[in-house]
Each structure stands twice: as structure tokens, then as C-alpha cells.
Amino acid sequence: MHEAAIFHEHILEGAAQQGISVLEACKRAKAMGYYGVNMDLNRLKGDFDGTMAPLKEAGLKVHAVYAFTDFGLTEDCYEADMKTALENVLLVEKCGSKNMLTVAAFLREEEMDRESDAYRIRRERVKKSVAGLAQIAREHGIQLTMEDFDGKQALFCFGEELFDFVSTVPGLKCAFDTGNFAYACEDAWELLPRFLPYITDVHLKDRGLQENGGSPCIALDGTPLYPVPVGGGVIPIRNIMETLVKNGYQGGFAAEHFGSCDQMRDMEQSIAFIRSVLA
């Protein structure tokens, strides 16, 4: 059964936009049909009990946790990276999630040239640490994933970079983000067949090209990509979802629209679209 999740940050933003409590926003998300949330690990680190309480009361699970780290900073960083890795995995385990997404590292200025030795060295360090994290996660019954992150400073911004990680790091799988390839001026639909064997989680992010009051992500070619509900933009999400299902995908679908000026509205429209595809 394919279940729909929503990003926890959207619930928090929606509560603030509507002037309602976080608990009420959680209850509304549950009533819409979302079973769980994708959670920023920093929320759990900041206030675990306070963050989890409204979710539990509303009957929402934690589908996945995403963790920002900065692996591979120095030649002798592996031990420190693994200490961070274990701490993070234990928090993911504590909240009951079986899925962890790693946003493992961001390039420093001297590493931004993809052809440079500095980039190559950092990349190899990060791959080693991600492999260690994947092993620790596996030992705790958690699947580690990586996405096509929409930021050029990420080591896995471009499709080729992400594919190299998920196809060579043992135990690492892909959280396929339908909208982030557009940031890198790449086509998610064209790249999907290559990633199909590695996908264990999916972020349904659509992109609009018309100004709508939301905060846009600016693509590498300068195009503003506006947040829209799933199915409301230019990404062929229906085709992507149908192809995944036909190829045996059994995981969840998480609606994502950071920057929306009306999160509760977009949450409702997103779940309606997801249901229409899966019906």
C-alpha cells in the first residue's frame, strides 16, 4: 500500500499561516489523509518530546527523517563523522522511523569546481563517511537514502553525482525528488529509468513557472521555480508515479512544497492529486 506523507515543516508553516495550533494543524493533516511526516532531524535534536507530542496525539507517524551534516571536512574526519552518524541514527530510531535521508555535505568555495582535486578529495571522504552511516543505519533497521538536492554546493546536486553515490555506496538508496532535478536544469522524467532500481522513497515536488505569491527556488539557469501543490506545475508527476508503481515500487510518496504562501491549501490539493493517481 502506497501511503502519503507531508513535510513536517509544512504543517508548522501552515499552523502559523492559519493562526492555529500545531496540534490542530496536525489533526487537519491527518484528516486530509496523510499518514505521517518527513521530519528535519534538527527539530528532534532541539525538542524531541515537544516535537513528537502533537504528532502522536493526531495519529501521525514519522515516515522519514532528513539530516544535514558536513561530512568529509578534514583528512582525519571519519571517526568524528561516525560519532555524528550514530547519534543521528539513534534519534531516527527513537522516533520510530525506518527511513533516513542524508544531506551529507556542502562544498566549500575552493571545492566548487567539479574538475578540481579539492572537489575529488572531498567527494571521496564524504562517500566513505556515507558508507559508514549506511552501515550504522542498516544495523538499526533503517534505510539510508540520498536525494538530488537543489543546491549547487551539494555534492549530489546533479543527476550524475547522485547516481554515482547510490550506485556505488553499499546500502545507500535513492529518495527520488521529482522537482529538484529542475533546479539543475535536468529532466526528472528522462532520468527516472536510470534511478528506478535504486528508489526506495519519493518526494513529490512540482514546480510552477508563474509567480503565485510563493517563494521561488532559482534554477541554475536563472529561472524562478515557484512552489505549487503536487500536480499543479510542469513536472510530469502523474507519469512518474504511474511508472514507479508499474515497476513494483512499494514505498511512500511525500508531498513537498517549501515556500508556499498557503501550506494548508496546498496540502489538501496535493493529497487529492496523489489519491487520484493511486486510485
Protein backbone atom coordinates (compact mmCIF):
# COMPACT_ATOMS: atom_id res chain seq x y z
CA MET A 1 0.00 0.00 0.00
CA HIS A 2 1.38 3.40 -1.02
CA GLU A 3 0.90 5.91 1.78
CA ALA A 4 1.15 9.68 1.57
CA ALA A 5 3.34 11.76 3.86
CA ILE A 6 3.78 15.51 4.19
CA PHE A 7 6.78 17.51 5.28
CA HIS A 8 6.56 18.42 8.96
CA GLU A 9 7.78 21.94 8.16
CA HIS A 10 4.68 22.46 6.01
CA ILE A 11 2.47 21.66 8.99
CA LEU A 12 4.37 24.17 11.13
CA GLU A 13 4.21 26.81 8.41
CA GLY A 14 0.53 26.08 7.82
CA ALA A 15 -0.25 26.48 11.50
CA ALA A 16 1.46 29.88 11.56
CA GLN A 17 -0.25 30.99 8.34
CA GLN A 18 -3.69 29.95 9.60
CA GLY A 19 -3.18 31.18 13.16
CA ILE A 20 -3.93 27.75 14.62
CA SER A 21 -2.03 25.46 16.98
CA VAL A 22 0.45 22.90 15.70
CA LEU A 23 -1.80 20.19 17.15
CA GLU A 24 -4.78 21.47 15.18
CA ALA A 25 -2.67 21.59 12.01
CA CYS A 26 -1.53 18.01 12.65
CA LYS A 27 -5.13 16.91 13.09
CA ARG A 28 -6.09 18.60 9.83
CA ALA A 29 -3.23 16.85 8.01
CA LYS A 30 -4.38 13.51 9.39
CA ALA A 31 -7.98 14.23 8.37
CA MET A 32 -6.83 15.06 4.84
CA GLY A 33 -5.38 11.56 4.57
CA TYR A 34 -1.70 11.93 5.39
CA TYR A 35 -0.39 9.08 7.49
CA GLY A 36 2.90 10.65 8.50
CA VAL A 37 5.54 13.32 8.10
CA ASN A 38 9.05 13.86 6.80
CA MET A 39 10.94 15.38 9.70
CA ASP A 40 14.02 17.61 9.99
CA LEU A 41 16.38 15.91 12.45
CA ASN A 42 17.23 19.29 13.95
CA ARG A 43 13.64 19.54 15.24
CA LEU A 44 14.15 16.29 17.15
CA LYS A 45 17.50 17.48 18.48
CA GLY A 46 16.02 20.76 19.64
CA ASP A 47 12.97 19.43 21.48
CA PHE A 48 12.24 15.76 20.92
CA ASP A 49 9.24 15.40 23.24
CA GLY A 50 7.69 18.72 22.28
CA THR A 51 8.06 17.96 18.57
CA MET A 52 6.65 14.45 18.78
CA ALA A 53 3.72 15.16 21.14
CA PRO A 54 1.29 16.80 18.66
CA LEU A 55 2.13 14.22 16.01
CA LYS A 56 1.34 11.36 18.36
CA GLU A 57 -1.87 12.97 19.58
CA ALA A 58 -3.02 13.50 15.99
CA GLY A 59 -2.10 9.94 14.99
CA LEU A 60 0.70 10.90 12.60
CA LYS A 61 3.81 8.75 12.22
CA VAL A 62 7.31 9.87 11.25
CA HIS A 63 7.74 8.49 7.75
CA ALA A 64 11.28 9.72 7.20
CA VAL A 65 13.89 11.93 8.85
CA TYR A 66 16.32 14.09 6.89
CA ALA A 67 19.64 15.01 8.46
CA PHE A 68 22.01 17.80 7.44
CA THR A 69 25.66 17.07 8.21
CA ASP A 70 29.04 18.25 6.95
CA PHE A 71 30.99 15.05 6.42
CA GLY A 72 34.46 14.89 4.98
CA LEU A 73 35.81 18.23 6.16
CA THR A 74 39.32 17.03 7.08
CA GLU A 75 41.64 14.16 6.27
CA ASP A 76 41.06 12.55 9.68
CA CYS A 77 37.32 13.28 9.91
CA TYR A 78 35.98 9.73 9.69
CA GLU A 79 35.83 9.00 13.42
CA ALA A 80 34.06 12.28 14.17
CA ASP A 81 31.69 11.71 11.25
CA MET A 82 30.78 8.27 12.60
CA LYS A 83 30.12 9.69 16.05
CA THR A 84 27.65 12.12 14.48
CA ALA A 85 26.23 9.33 12.34
CA LEU A 86 25.46 7.12 15.34
CA GLU A 87 23.87 9.99 17.29
CA ASN A 88 21.63 10.81 14.35
CA VAL A 89 20.62 7.21 13.67
CA LEU A 90 19.67 6.71 17.32
CA LEU A 91 17.35 9.73 17.13
CA VAL A 92 15.74 8.39 13.96
CA GLU A 93 15.26 5.04 15.67
CA LYS A 94 13.80 6.73 18.77
CA CYS A 95 11.08 8.49 16.77
CA GLY A 96 10.07 5.22 15.13
CA SER A 97 11.06 5.96 11.54
CA LYS A 98 12.58 3.37 9.22
CA ASN A 99 13.79 5.90 6.64
CA MET A 100 16.65 8.38 6.90
CA LEU A 101 17.76 10.80 4.20
CA THR A 102 21.28 12.14 4.39
CA VAL A 103 22.16 15.62 3.17
CA ALA A 104 25.72 14.67 3.84
CA ALA A 105 27.88 17.65 2.92
CA PHE A 106 28.13 21.05 1.29
CA LEU A 107 31.13 22.11 -0.75
CA ARG A 108 33.40 24.92 0.37
CA GLU A 109 34.35 27.65 -2.10
CA GLU A 110 37.65 26.00 -3.05
CA GLU A 111 35.80 22.71 -3.76
CA MET A 112 33.08 24.10 -6.03
CA ASP A 113 34.99 23.41 -9.27
CA ARG A 114 33.81 19.91 -10.18
CA GLU A 115 37.05 19.32 -12.10
CA SER A 116 39.37 20.23 -9.22
CA ASP A 117 41.42 17.96 -6.97
CA ALA A 118 39.81 19.63 -3.94
CA TYR A 119 36.37 18.51 -5.14
CA ARG A 120 37.55 14.97 -5.85
CA ILE A 121 39.20 14.62 -2.43
CA ARG A 122 36.16 15.94 -0.57
CA ARG A 123 33.86 13.69 -2.55
CA GLU A 124 35.83 10.56 -1.68
CA ARG A 125 35.89 11.48 2.01
CA VAL A 126 32.15 12.04 2.01
CA LYS A 127 31.46 8.75 0.21
CA LYS A 128 33.46 6.90 2.85
CA SER A 129 31.50 8.56 5.67
CA VAL A 130 28.15 7.97 3.94
CA ALA A 131 29.07 4.29 3.59
CA GLY A 132 29.76 4.19 7.33
CA LEU A 133 26.45 5.92 8.04
CA ALA A 134 24.60 3.45 5.79
CA GLN A 135 26.12 0.56 7.72
CA ILE A 136 25.13 2.01 11.09
CA ALA A 137 21.62 2.73 9.81
CA ARG A 138 21.26 -0.82 8.49
CA GLU A 139 22.30 -2.24 11.88
CA HIS A 140 19.38 -0.31 13.40
CA GLY A 141 16.86 -1.40 10.78
CA ILE A 142 16.85 1.96 8.97
CA GLN A 143 17.16 2.51 5.24
CA LEU A 144 19.52 5.34 4.30
CA THR A 145 18.71 7.39 1.20
CA MET A 146 20.08 10.37 -0.71
CA GLU A 147 18.22 12.82 -2.96
CA ASP A 148 19.03 15.15 -5.83
CA PHE A 149 19.45 18.18 -3.58
CA ASP A 150 18.54 21.57 -5.07
CA GLY A 151 21.71 23.47 -4.26
CA LYS A 152 24.94 23.60 -6.28
CA GLN A 153 27.01 23.39 -3.09
CA ALA A 154 25.68 19.87 -2.52
CA LEU A 155 27.86 17.01 -3.76
CA PHE A 156 24.71 15.36 -5.16
CA CYS A 157 23.05 18.26 -6.95
CA PHE A 158 23.37 16.81 -10.45
CA GLY A 159 21.90 13.52 -11.63
CA GLU A 160 25.30 12.05 -12.46
CA GLU A 161 26.62 12.91 -8.99
CA LEU A 162 23.62 11.36 -7.23
CA PHE A 163 23.77 8.26 -9.40
CA ASP A 164 27.43 7.77 -8.53
CA PHE A 165 26.57 7.80 -4.82
CA VAL A 166 23.55 5.47 -4.91
CA SER A 167 25.13 3.03 -7.35
CA THR A 168 28.48 2.66 -5.56
CA VAL A 169 27.90 3.20 -1.82
CA PRO A 170 26.79 -0.09 -0.23
CA GLY A 171 23.39 0.11 1.41
CA LEU A 172 22.57 3.61 0.11
CA LYS A 173 19.35 4.06 -1.90
CA CYS A 174 17.66 6.94 -3.70
CA ALA A 175 14.93 9.24 -2.42
CA PHE A 176 13.79 10.44 -5.85
CA ASP A 177 12.79 14.11 -5.72
CA THR A 178 10.65 14.88 -8.76
CA GLY A 179 11.27 18.63 -8.65
CA ASN A 180 14.88 19.06 -7.66
CA PHE A 181 16.35 17.96 -10.99
CA ALA A 182 14.70 21.07 -12.48
CA TYR A 183 16.95 23.21 -10.27
CA ALA A 184 19.94 21.68 -12.06
CA CYS A 185 18.18 22.13 -15.44
CA GLU A 186 17.74 18.37 -15.76
CA ASP A 187 14.62 16.34 -16.59
CA ALA A 188 13.30 14.01 -13.87
CA TRP A 189 11.24 12.03 -16.40
CA GLU A 190 14.28 11.34 -18.56
CA LEU A 191 16.42 10.37 -15.57
CA LEU A 192 13.81 8.15 -13.89
CA PRO A 193 14.64 4.88 -15.76
CA ARG A 194 18.25 5.07 -14.65
CA PHE A 195 17.33 5.51 -10.99
CA LEU A 196 14.43 3.01 -10.85
CA PRO A 197 16.48 0.12 -9.37
CA TYR A 198 17.65 2.32 -6.50
CA ILE A 199 14.48 4.19 -5.47
CA THR A 200 13.04 3.36 -2.03
CA ASP A 201 11.38 6.71 -1.24
CA VAL A 202 9.86 9.53 -3.30
CA HIS A 203 9.41 13.27 -2.75
CA LEU A 204 6.60 14.63 -4.90
CA LYS A 205 7.69 18.18 -5.63
CA ASP A 206 6.12 20.09 -8.50
CA ARG A 207 7.38 23.36 -9.96
CA GLY A 208 5.39 26.33 -11.26
CA LEU A 209 6.69 28.89 -13.75
CA GLN A 210 4.17 31.63 -12.93
CA GLU A 211 4.51 33.99 -9.96
CA ASN A 212 1.99 32.94 -7.31
CA GLY A 213 2.98 34.65 -4.08
CA GLY A 214 5.24 31.81 -3.01
CA SER A 215 9.00 31.95 -2.55
CA PRO A 216 10.70 30.58 -5.67
CA CYS A 217 13.77 28.42 -5.95
CA ILE A 218 16.05 29.93 -8.60
CA ALA A 219 17.35 27.32 -11.04
CA LEU A 220 20.95 27.33 -12.21
CA ASP A 221 19.88 28.99 -15.47
CA GLY A 222 18.13 31.77 -13.53
CA THR A 223 14.56 30.50 -13.97
CA PRO A 224 12.32 31.09 -10.90
CA LEU A 225 10.64 27.82 -9.88
CA TYR A 226 7.57 28.58 -7.78
CA PRO A 227 6.09 26.24 -5.15
CA VAL A 228 2.81 24.64 -6.20
CA PRO A 229 0.74 21.70 -4.93
CA VAL A 230 1.58 18.29 -6.34
CA GLY A 231 0.11 18.07 -9.84
CA GLY A 232 -0.18 21.84 -10.18
CA GLY A 233 3.01 22.55 -12.09
CA VAL A 234 5.14 21.50 -15.04
CA ILE A 235 6.73 18.30 -13.70
CA PRO A 236 5.13 15.12 -15.18
CA ILE A 237 4.39 13.71 -11.75
CA ARG A 238 1.47 11.53 -12.82
CA ASN A 239 3.67 9.76 -15.36
CA ILE A 240 6.47 9.38 -12.82
CA MET A 241 4.17 7.92 -10.16
CA GLU A 242 2.46 5.53 -12.58
CA THR A 243 5.83 4.32 -13.89
CA LEU A 244 7.11 3.74 -10.36
CA VAL A 245 4.04 1.73 -9.38
CA LYS A 246 4.11 -0.33 -12.61
CA ASN A 247 7.74 -1.18 -11.88
CA GLY A 248 6.95 -2.51 -8.42
CA TYR A 249 7.66 0.49 -6.23
CA GLN A 250 6.19 -0.16 -2.76
CA GLY A 251 7.34 2.90 -0.81
CA GLY A 252 5.66 6.10 0.24
CA PHE A 253 5.03 9.39 -1.52
CA ALA A 254 5.82 12.58 0.38
CA ALA A 255 4.23 15.82 -0.84
CA GLU A 256 6.66 18.74 -0.75
CA HIS A 257 6.11 22.43 -1.47
CA PHE A 258 8.54 24.56 0.54
CA GLY A 259 7.90 28.28 0.12
CA SER A 260 4.13 28.01 -0.34
CA CYS A 261 2.14 31.03 0.80
CA ASP A 262 -0.77 28.74 1.79
CA GLN A 263 0.51 25.41 3.04
CA MET A 264 -2.80 24.00 4.27
CA ARG A 265 -4.46 24.67 0.91
CA ASP A 266 -1.57 23.10 -0.98
CA MET A 267 -1.51 20.11 1.38
CA GLU A 268 -5.16 19.43 0.62
CA GLN A 269 -4.71 19.78 -3.14
CA SER A 270 -1.60 17.59 -3.08
CA ILE A 271 -3.26 14.69 -1.29
CA ALA A 272 -6.23 14.89 -3.67
CA PHE A 273 -3.89 14.58 -6.66
CA ILE A 274 -1.94 11.72 -5.09
CA ARG A 275 -5.16 9.81 -4.43
CA SER A 276 -6.36 10.40 -7.97
CA VAL A 277 -3.19 8.81 -9.37
CA LEU A 278 -3.19 5.85 -7.00
CA ALA A 279 -6.94 5.14 -7.22
